[in-house]
Amino acid sequence: MMKLEVALAILMKYLNDEQNWHTKEEILKLIIVSYLKTYSEGKIEFNQELILSKVAPLVDDENSKVRLGALETLTVICHATKTTQSLEILERLVDIDAYEVVIDGLFEGKVAYVGDNRVIDFTREKCIYIIFLLLL
């Protein structure tokens, strides 16, 4: 079975080059699942700077679902790592408005989570997206 870190590294190569917004959205969901899974197990072994640098440009994507997914993903990453390093990296990568959305999400506890039914619940602005976690 492929290690989660290797799978994420492969997906990162396609995230910003992909033209199909559906594919971008699904890759963002997989990143969220990866962080939530490893966070619950108490280990985060991903290259934070690489992932943040690939996700951050998507806050300006032309598709609103991708923009929202990028903000959710950045919030989950910063929540899961529980370090100021992720926030410092993020501050350099996005504009002040996007940064404040992530900070507000962290302080208000608006962080995506995996529910009992094994789906991701996105907490922002009444938007609930569902992904079946077949990888877990």
N, C-alpha and C. Protein backbone atom coordinates (compact mmCIF):
# COMPACT_ATOMS: atom_id res chain seq x y z
N MET A 1 0.85 -1.18 0.00
CA MET A 1 0.00 0.00 0.00
C MET A 1 0.90 1.25 0.00
N MET A 2 0.51 2.24 -0.77
CA MET A 2 1.29 3.47 -0.90
C MET A 2 1.18 4.30 0.37
N LYS A 3 2.30 4.84 0.81
CA LYS A 3 2.28 5.72 1.98
C LYS A 3 1.56 7.01 1.63
N LEU A 4 0.88 7.56 2.62
CA LEU A 4 0.10 8.78 2.44
C LEU A 4 0.97 9.94 1.97
N GLU A 5 2.18 10.04 2.49
CA GLU A 5 3.08 11.13 2.11
C GLU A 5 3.43 11.06 0.62
N VAL A 6 3.62 9.85 0.11
CA VAL A 6 3.96 9.66 -1.29
C VAL A 6 2.77 10.02 -2.17
N ALA A 7 1.59 9.58 -1.77
CA ALA A 7 0.38 9.90 -2.54
C ALA A 7 0.17 11.41 -2.60
N LEU A 8 0.35 12.10 -1.48
CA LEU A 8 0.19 13.56 -1.48
C LEU A 8 1.22 14.23 -2.37
N ALA A 9 2.44 13.76 -2.34
CA ALA A 9 3.48 14.35 -3.19
C ALA A 9 3.11 14.22 -4.66
N ILE A 10 2.56 13.09 -5.03
CA ILE A 10 2.14 12.89 -6.42
C ILE A 10 1.00 13.85 -6.77
N LEU A 11 0.02 13.96 -5.89
CA LEU A 11 -1.12 14.85 -6.14
C LEU A 11 -0.70 16.31 -6.24
N MET A 12 0.30 16.71 -5.47
CA MET A 12 0.75 18.11 -5.48
C MET A 12 1.24 18.51 -6.86
N LYS A 13 1.79 17.55 -7.62
CA LYS A 13 2.29 17.86 -8.95
C LYS A 13 1.15 18.29 -9.88
N TYR A 14 -0.06 17.82 -9.61
CA TYR A 14 -1.18 18.09 -10.50
C TYR A 14 -2.09 19.23 -10.03
N LEU A 15 -1.99 19.60 -8.78
CA LEU A 15 -2.96 20.52 -8.20
C LEU A 15 -3.05 21.86 -8.94
N ASN A 16 -1.94 22.49 -9.22
CA ASN A 16 -1.98 23.81 -9.86
C ASN A 16 -1.98 23.75 -11.39
N ASP A 17 -1.63 22.61 -11.95
CA ASP A 17 -1.62 22.47 -13.40
C ASP A 17 -2.96 22.00 -13.95
N GLU A 18 -3.77 21.44 -13.11
CA GLU A 18 -5.05 20.88 -13.53
C GLU A 18 -6.02 21.98 -13.94
N GLN A 19 -6.66 21.80 -15.08
CA GLN A 19 -7.63 22.78 -15.56
C GLN A 19 -9.05 22.47 -15.08
N ASN A 20 -9.33 21.21 -14.81
CA ASN A 20 -10.66 20.79 -14.40
C ASN A 20 -10.89 21.13 -12.93
N TRP A 21 -11.87 21.96 -12.63
CA TRP A 21 -12.10 22.39 -11.25
C TRP A 21 -12.56 21.22 -10.38
N HIS A 22 -13.24 20.24 -10.97
CA HIS A 22 -13.67 19.08 -10.19
C HIS A 22 -12.45 18.32 -9.63
N THR A 23 -11.45 18.18 -10.46
CA THR A 23 -10.24 17.47 -10.04
C THR A 23 -9.53 18.25 -8.94
N LYS A 24 -9.43 19.57 -9.09
CA LYS A 24 -8.82 20.40 -8.04
C LYS A 24 -9.57 20.23 -6.73
N GLU A 25 -10.88 20.28 -6.80
CA GLU A 25 -11.71 20.16 -5.60
C GLU A 25 -11.49 18.81 -4.92
N GLU A 26 -11.41 17.74 -5.70
CA GLU A 26 -11.21 16.40 -5.12
C GLU A 26 -9.81 16.26 -4.51
N ILE A 27 -8.81 16.85 -5.15
CA ILE A 27 -7.46 16.81 -4.58
C ILE A 27 -7.43 17.56 -3.25
N LEU A 28 -8.11 18.70 -3.18
CA LEU A 28 -8.17 19.43 -1.91
C LEU A 28 -8.84 18.59 -0.83
N LYS A 29 -9.90 17.88 -1.19
CA LYS A 29 -10.56 17.01 -0.21
C LYS A 29 -9.64 15.91 0.27
N LEU A 30 -8.84 15.36 -0.63
CA LEU A 30 -7.89 14.31 -0.24
C LEU A 30 -6.81 14.87 0.71
N ILE A 31 -6.40 16.10 0.47
CA ILE A 31 -5.44 16.73 1.38
C ILE A 31 -6.07 16.89 2.76
N ILE A 32 -7.31 17.34 2.79
CA ILE A 32 -8.00 17.51 4.07
C ILE A 32 -8.10 16.17 4.80
N VAL A 33 -8.53 15.15 4.09
CA VAL A 33 -8.65 13.82 4.70
C VAL A 33 -7.30 13.36 5.24
N SER A 34 -6.25 13.60 4.47
CA SER A 34 -4.90 13.18 4.90
C SER A 34 -4.50 13.87 6.19
N TYR A 35 -4.74 15.18 6.26
CA TYR A 35 -4.38 15.91 7.47
C TYR A 35 -5.24 15.50 8.65
N LEU A 36 -6.54 15.35 8.43
CA LEU A 36 -7.40 14.94 9.54
C LEU A 36 -7.06 13.55 10.04
N LYS A 37 -6.73 12.64 9.13
CA LYS A 37 -6.36 11.27 9.51
C LYS A 37 -5.07 11.26 10.32
N THR A 38 -4.05 11.94 9.81
CA THR A 38 -2.77 11.93 10.52
C THR A 38 -2.84 12.73 11.81
N TYR A 39 -3.65 13.80 11.83
CA TYR A 39 -3.82 14.59 13.05
C TYR A 39 -4.44 13.73 14.14
N SER A 40 -5.45 12.94 13.79
CA SER A 40 -6.11 12.09 14.78
C SER A 40 -5.18 10.99 15.29
N GLU A 41 -4.18 10.63 14.49
CA GLU A 41 -3.21 9.62 14.90
C GLU A 41 -2.00 10.25 15.61
N GLY A 42 -1.97 11.57 15.67
CA GLY A 42 -0.91 12.27 16.37
C GLY A 42 0.39 12.40 15.62
N LYS A 43 0.33 12.29 14.29
CA LYS A 43 1.57 12.44 13.52
C LYS A 43 1.32 13.18 12.22
N ILE A 44 2.06 14.23 12.02
CA ILE A 44 2.00 14.99 10.77
C ILE A 44 3.39 14.93 10.18
N GLU A 45 3.51 14.29 9.02
CA GLU A 45 4.83 14.10 8.42
C GLU A 45 4.90 14.65 7.00
N PHE A 46 4.10 15.66 6.71
CA PHE A 46 4.07 16.20 5.36
C PHE A 46 4.95 17.44 5.27
N ASN A 47 5.37 17.77 4.06
CA ASN A 47 6.15 18.97 3.80
C ASN A 47 5.18 20.16 3.79
N GLN A 48 5.07 20.83 4.94
CA GLN A 48 4.10 21.92 5.10
C GLN A 48 4.27 23.02 4.06
N GLU A 49 5.50 23.45 3.86
CA GLU A 49 5.74 24.56 2.95
C GLU A 49 5.34 24.21 1.53
N LEU A 50 5.66 23.00 1.10
CA LEU A 50 5.29 22.58 -0.25
C LEU A 50 3.77 22.55 -0.42
N ILE A 51 3.08 21.94 0.52
CA ILE A 51 1.63 21.82 0.40
C ILE A 51 0.97 23.20 0.48
N LEU A 52 1.39 24.01 1.43
CA LEU A 52 0.82 25.36 1.54
C LEU A 52 1.07 26.16 0.26
N SER A 53 2.25 26.04 -0.32
CA SER A 53 2.58 26.80 -1.53
C SER A 53 1.77 26.34 -2.73
N LYS A 54 1.33 25.09 -2.74
CA LYS A 54 0.51 24.58 -3.84
C LYS A 54 -0.97 24.91 -3.64
N VAL A 55 -1.43 24.93 -2.40
CA VAL A 55 -2.84 25.19 -2.12
C VAL A 55 -3.15 26.69 -2.13
N ALA A 56 -2.24 27.51 -1.63
CA ALA A 56 -2.48 28.95 -1.48
C ALA A 56 -2.95 29.65 -2.75
N PRO A 57 -2.36 29.39 -3.92
CA PRO A 57 -2.83 30.09 -5.12
C PRO A 57 -4.29 29.81 -5.48
N LEU A 58 -4.81 28.71 -4.97
CA LEU A 58 -6.19 28.34 -5.30
C LEU A 58 -7.23 29.20 -4.60
N VAL A 59 -6.81 30.03 -3.64
CA VAL A 59 -7.79 30.95 -3.03
C VAL A 59 -8.22 32.02 -4.03
N ASP A 60 -7.51 32.12 -5.13
CA ASP A 60 -7.86 33.07 -6.20
C ASP A 60 -8.36 32.36 -7.45
N ASP A 61 -8.70 31.09 -7.33
CA ASP A 61 -9.19 30.32 -8.47
C ASP A 61 -10.48 30.93 -9.01
N GLU A 62 -10.74 30.72 -10.29
CA GLU A 62 -11.95 31.28 -10.89
C GLU A 62 -13.22 30.58 -10.42
N ASN A 63 -13.10 29.37 -9.90
CA ASN A 63 -14.27 28.62 -9.45
C ASN A 63 -14.48 28.79 -7.95
N SER A 64 -15.67 29.13 -7.54
CA SER A 64 -15.94 29.40 -6.12
C SER A 64 -15.79 28.16 -5.24
N LYS A 65 -16.10 26.98 -5.77
CA LYS A 65 -15.94 25.76 -4.97
C LYS A 65 -14.46 25.48 -4.70
N VAL A 66 -13.63 25.76 -5.68
CA VAL A 66 -12.19 25.57 -5.48
C VAL A 66 -11.66 26.59 -4.48
N ARG A 67 -12.11 27.85 -4.60
CA ARG A 67 -11.68 28.88 -3.64
C ARG A 67 -12.07 28.49 -2.22
N LEU A 68 -13.31 28.07 -2.02
CA LEU A 68 -13.77 27.67 -0.70
C LEU A 68 -13.00 26.44 -0.20
N GLY A 69 -12.79 25.48 -1.10
CA GLY A 69 -12.03 24.29 -0.73
C GLY A 69 -10.60 24.62 -0.33
N ALA A 70 -10.00 25.58 -1.02
CA ALA A 70 -8.63 25.99 -0.68
C ALA A 70 -8.59 26.62 0.71
N LEU A 71 -9.56 27.48 1.02
CA LEU A 71 -9.61 28.10 2.35
C LEU A 71 -9.83 27.05 3.43
N GLU A 72 -10.71 26.10 3.18
CA GLU A 72 -10.94 25.02 4.14
C GLU A 72 -9.67 24.20 4.34
N THR A 73 -8.99 23.91 3.24
CA THR A 73 -7.77 23.10 3.31
C THR A 73 -6.68 23.83 4.10
N LEU A 74 -6.51 25.11 3.83
CA LEU A 74 -5.49 25.89 4.56
C LEU A 74 -5.82 25.95 6.04
N THR A 75 -7.10 26.08 6.37
CA THR A 75 -7.51 26.13 7.78
C THR A 75 -7.22 24.79 8.46
N VAL A 76 -7.53 23.69 7.79
CA VAL A 76 -7.26 22.36 8.36
C VAL A 76 -5.76 22.15 8.56
N ILE A 77 -4.96 22.56 7.60
CA ILE A 77 -3.51 22.39 7.72
C ILE A 77 -2.99 23.17 8.94
N CYS A 78 -3.41 24.41 9.06
CA CYS A 78 -2.94 25.23 10.19
C CYS A 78 -3.46 24.68 11.51
N HIS A 79 -4.67 24.16 11.52
CA HIS A 79 -5.23 23.56 12.74
C HIS A 79 -4.48 22.28 13.11
N ALA A 80 -4.24 21.43 12.13
CA ALA A 80 -3.62 20.13 12.39
C ALA A 80 -2.17 20.25 12.83
N THR A 81 -1.46 21.21 12.27
CA THR A 81 -0.04 21.33 12.61
C THR A 81 0.18 22.01 13.95
N LYS A 82 -0.80 22.83 14.36
CA LYS A 82 -0.74 23.52 15.66
C LYS A 82 0.60 24.22 15.90
N THR A 83 1.14 24.78 14.85
CA THR A 83 2.38 25.55 15.00
C THR A 83 2.20 26.91 14.34
N THR A 84 2.98 27.85 14.78
CA THR A 84 2.94 29.16 14.14
C THR A 84 3.67 29.14 12.81
N GLN A 85 4.49 28.12 12.59
CA GLN A 85 5.25 28.04 11.34
C GLN A 85 4.32 27.99 10.13
N SER A 86 3.26 27.20 10.20
CA SER A 86 2.32 27.13 9.08
C SER A 86 1.66 28.47 8.83
N LEU A 87 1.29 29.16 9.90
CA LEU A 87 0.67 30.48 9.75
C LEU A 87 1.65 31.50 9.17
N GLU A 88 2.91 31.42 9.59
CA GLU A 88 3.92 32.34 9.06
C GLU A 88 4.14 32.11 7.57
N ILE A 89 4.18 30.84 7.16
CA ILE A 89 4.33 30.52 5.74
C ILE A 89 3.11 31.02 4.97
N LEU A 90 1.94 30.74 5.52
CA LEU A 90 0.70 31.13 4.86
C LEU A 90 0.59 32.65 4.69
N GLU A 91 1.03 33.38 5.70
CA GLU A 91 0.96 34.83 5.65
C GLU A 91 1.75 35.39 4.47
N ARG A 92 2.84 34.72 4.12
CA ARG A 92 3.65 35.16 2.97
C ARG A 92 3.01 34.79 1.63
N LEU A 93 2.13 33.78 1.64
CA LEU A 93 1.62 33.23 0.39
C LEU A 93 0.28 33.79 -0.08
N VAL A 94 -0.53 34.29 0.83
CA VAL A 94 -1.88 34.75 0.45
C VAL A 94 -2.08 36.20 0.84
N ASP A 95 -3.12 36.81 0.26
CA ASP A 95 -3.41 38.20 0.62
C ASP A 95 -4.03 38.25 2.02
N ILE A 96 -4.13 39.44 2.55
CA ILE A 96 -4.58 39.64 3.93
C ILE A 96 -6.01 39.13 4.15
N ASP A 97 -6.87 39.27 3.14
CA ASP A 97 -8.25 38.82 3.29
C ASP A 97 -8.32 37.29 3.47
N ALA A 98 -7.60 36.57 2.63
CA ALA A 98 -7.59 35.11 2.74
C ALA A 98 -6.96 34.67 4.06
N TYR A 99 -5.90 35.35 4.45
CA TYR A 99 -5.23 35.02 5.72
C TYR A 99 -6.20 35.21 6.89
N GLU A 100 -6.96 36.29 6.87
CA GLU A 100 -7.91 36.56 7.96
C GLU A 100 -9.04 35.53 7.99
N VAL A 101 -9.45 35.04 6.83
CA VAL A 101 -10.48 33.99 6.80
C VAL A 101 -9.97 32.74 7.51
N VAL A 102 -8.72 32.38 7.24
CA VAL A 102 -8.13 31.21 7.90
C VAL A 102 -8.00 31.44 9.40
N ILE A 103 -7.50 32.59 9.79
CA ILE A 103 -7.35 32.92 11.22
C ILE A 103 -8.71 32.91 11.92
N ASP A 104 -9.72 33.52 11.29
CA ASP A 104 -11.06 33.53 11.88
C ASP A 104 -11.59 32.11 12.04
N GLY A 105 -11.37 31.28 11.04
CA GLY A 105 -11.80 29.89 11.13
C GLY A 105 -11.15 29.16 12.28
N LEU A 106 -9.87 29.43 12.50
CA LEU A 106 -9.15 28.78 13.60
C LEU A 106 -9.68 29.25 14.95
N PHE A 107 -9.84 30.56 15.10
CA PHE A 107 -10.29 31.10 16.39
C PHE A 107 -11.75 30.77 16.69
N GLU A 108 -12.57 30.67 15.66
CA GLU A 108 -13.98 30.37 15.85
C GLU A 108 -14.27 28.88 15.84
N GLY A 109 -13.24 28.07 15.66
CA GLY A 109 -13.43 26.63 15.63
C GLY A 109 -14.13 26.13 14.39
N LYS A 110 -14.06 26.89 13.31
CA LYS A 110 -14.70 26.49 12.05
C LYS A 110 -13.70 25.72 11.20
N VAL A 111 -13.46 24.49 11.62
CA VAL A 111 -12.50 23.64 10.94
C VAL A 111 -13.23 22.39 10.48
N ALA A 112 -13.02 22.00 9.23
CA ALA A 112 -13.65 20.80 8.70
C ALA A 112 -13.29 19.60 9.58
N TYR A 113 -14.19 18.66 9.65
CA TYR A 113 -13.94 17.46 10.44
C TYR A 113 -14.62 16.27 9.79
N VAL A 114 -14.21 15.10 10.21
CA VAL A 114 -14.82 13.87 9.72
C VAL A 114 -15.86 13.45 10.73
N GLY A 115 -17.12 13.34 10.28
CA GLY A 115 -18.21 12.97 11.16
C GLY A 115 -18.28 11.46 11.38
N ASP A 116 -19.22 11.06 12.20
CA ASP A 116 -19.41 9.64 12.50
C ASP A 116 -19.75 8.82 11.27
N ASN A 117 -20.35 9.45 10.29
CA ASN A 117 -20.73 8.75 9.07
C ASN A 117 -19.60 8.70 8.04
N ARG A 118 -18.38 9.06 8.48
CA ARG A 118 -17.16 9.00 7.67
C ARG A 118 -17.20 9.93 6.47
N VAL A 119 -17.79 11.09 6.64
CA VAL A 119 -17.78 12.11 5.58
C VAL A 119 -17.18 13.38 6.15
N ILE A 120 -16.65 14.21 5.27
CA ILE A 120 -16.09 15.48 5.71
C ILE A 120 -17.23 16.48 5.83
N ASP A 121 -17.27 17.18 6.94
CA ASP A 121 -18.24 18.25 7.12
C ASP A 121 -17.47 19.56 7.06
N PHE A 122 -17.76 20.36 6.03
CA PHE A 122 -17.15 21.67 5.89
C PHE A 122 -18.02 22.66 6.62
N THR A 123 -17.42 23.54 7.38
CA THR A 123 -18.17 24.36 8.32
C THR A 123 -18.47 25.76 7.83
N ARG A 124 -17.89 26.21 6.76
CA ARG A 124 -18.02 27.61 6.35
C ARG A 124 -19.32 27.90 5.62
N GLU A 125 -19.98 28.97 6.05
CA GLU A 125 -21.12 29.56 5.36
C GLU A 125 -22.16 28.55 4.89
N LYS A 126 -22.52 27.64 5.77
CA LYS A 126 -23.57 26.66 5.50
C LYS A 126 -23.26 25.76 4.31
N CYS A 127 -22.01 25.72 3.89
CA CYS A 127 -21.65 24.85 2.77
C CYS A 127 -21.21 23.50 3.32
N ILE A 128 -21.95 22.49 2.98
CA ILE A 128 -21.56 21.15 3.41
C ILE A 128 -21.29 20.33 2.16
N TYR A 129 -20.08 19.83 2.08
CA TYR A 129 -19.69 18.96 0.98
C TYR A 129 -19.49 17.58 1.57
N ILE A 130 -19.76 16.58 0.78
CA ILE A 130 -19.63 15.21 1.28
C ILE A 130 -18.64 14.46 0.40
N ILE A 131 -17.74 13.76 1.05
CA ILE A 131 -16.83 12.85 0.34
C ILE A 131 -16.79 11.56 1.14
N PHE A 132 -17.00 10.46 0.50
CA PHE A 132 -16.92 9.19 1.20
C PHE A 132 -15.46 8.83 1.35
N LEU A 133 -15.08 8.50 2.53
CA LEU A 133 -13.67 8.27 2.84
C LEU A 133 -13.29 6.83 2.58
N LEU A 134 -13.21 6.50 1.31
CA LEU A 134 -12.88 5.14 0.93
C LEU A 134 -11.42 4.81 1.21
N LEU A 135 -10.62 5.85 1.40
CA LEU A 135 -9.20 5.64 1.66
C LEU A 135 -8.91 5.20 3.08
N LEU A 136 -9.85 5.44 3.99
CA LEU A 136 -9.60 5.15 5.40
C LEU A 136 -10.01 3.75 5.78
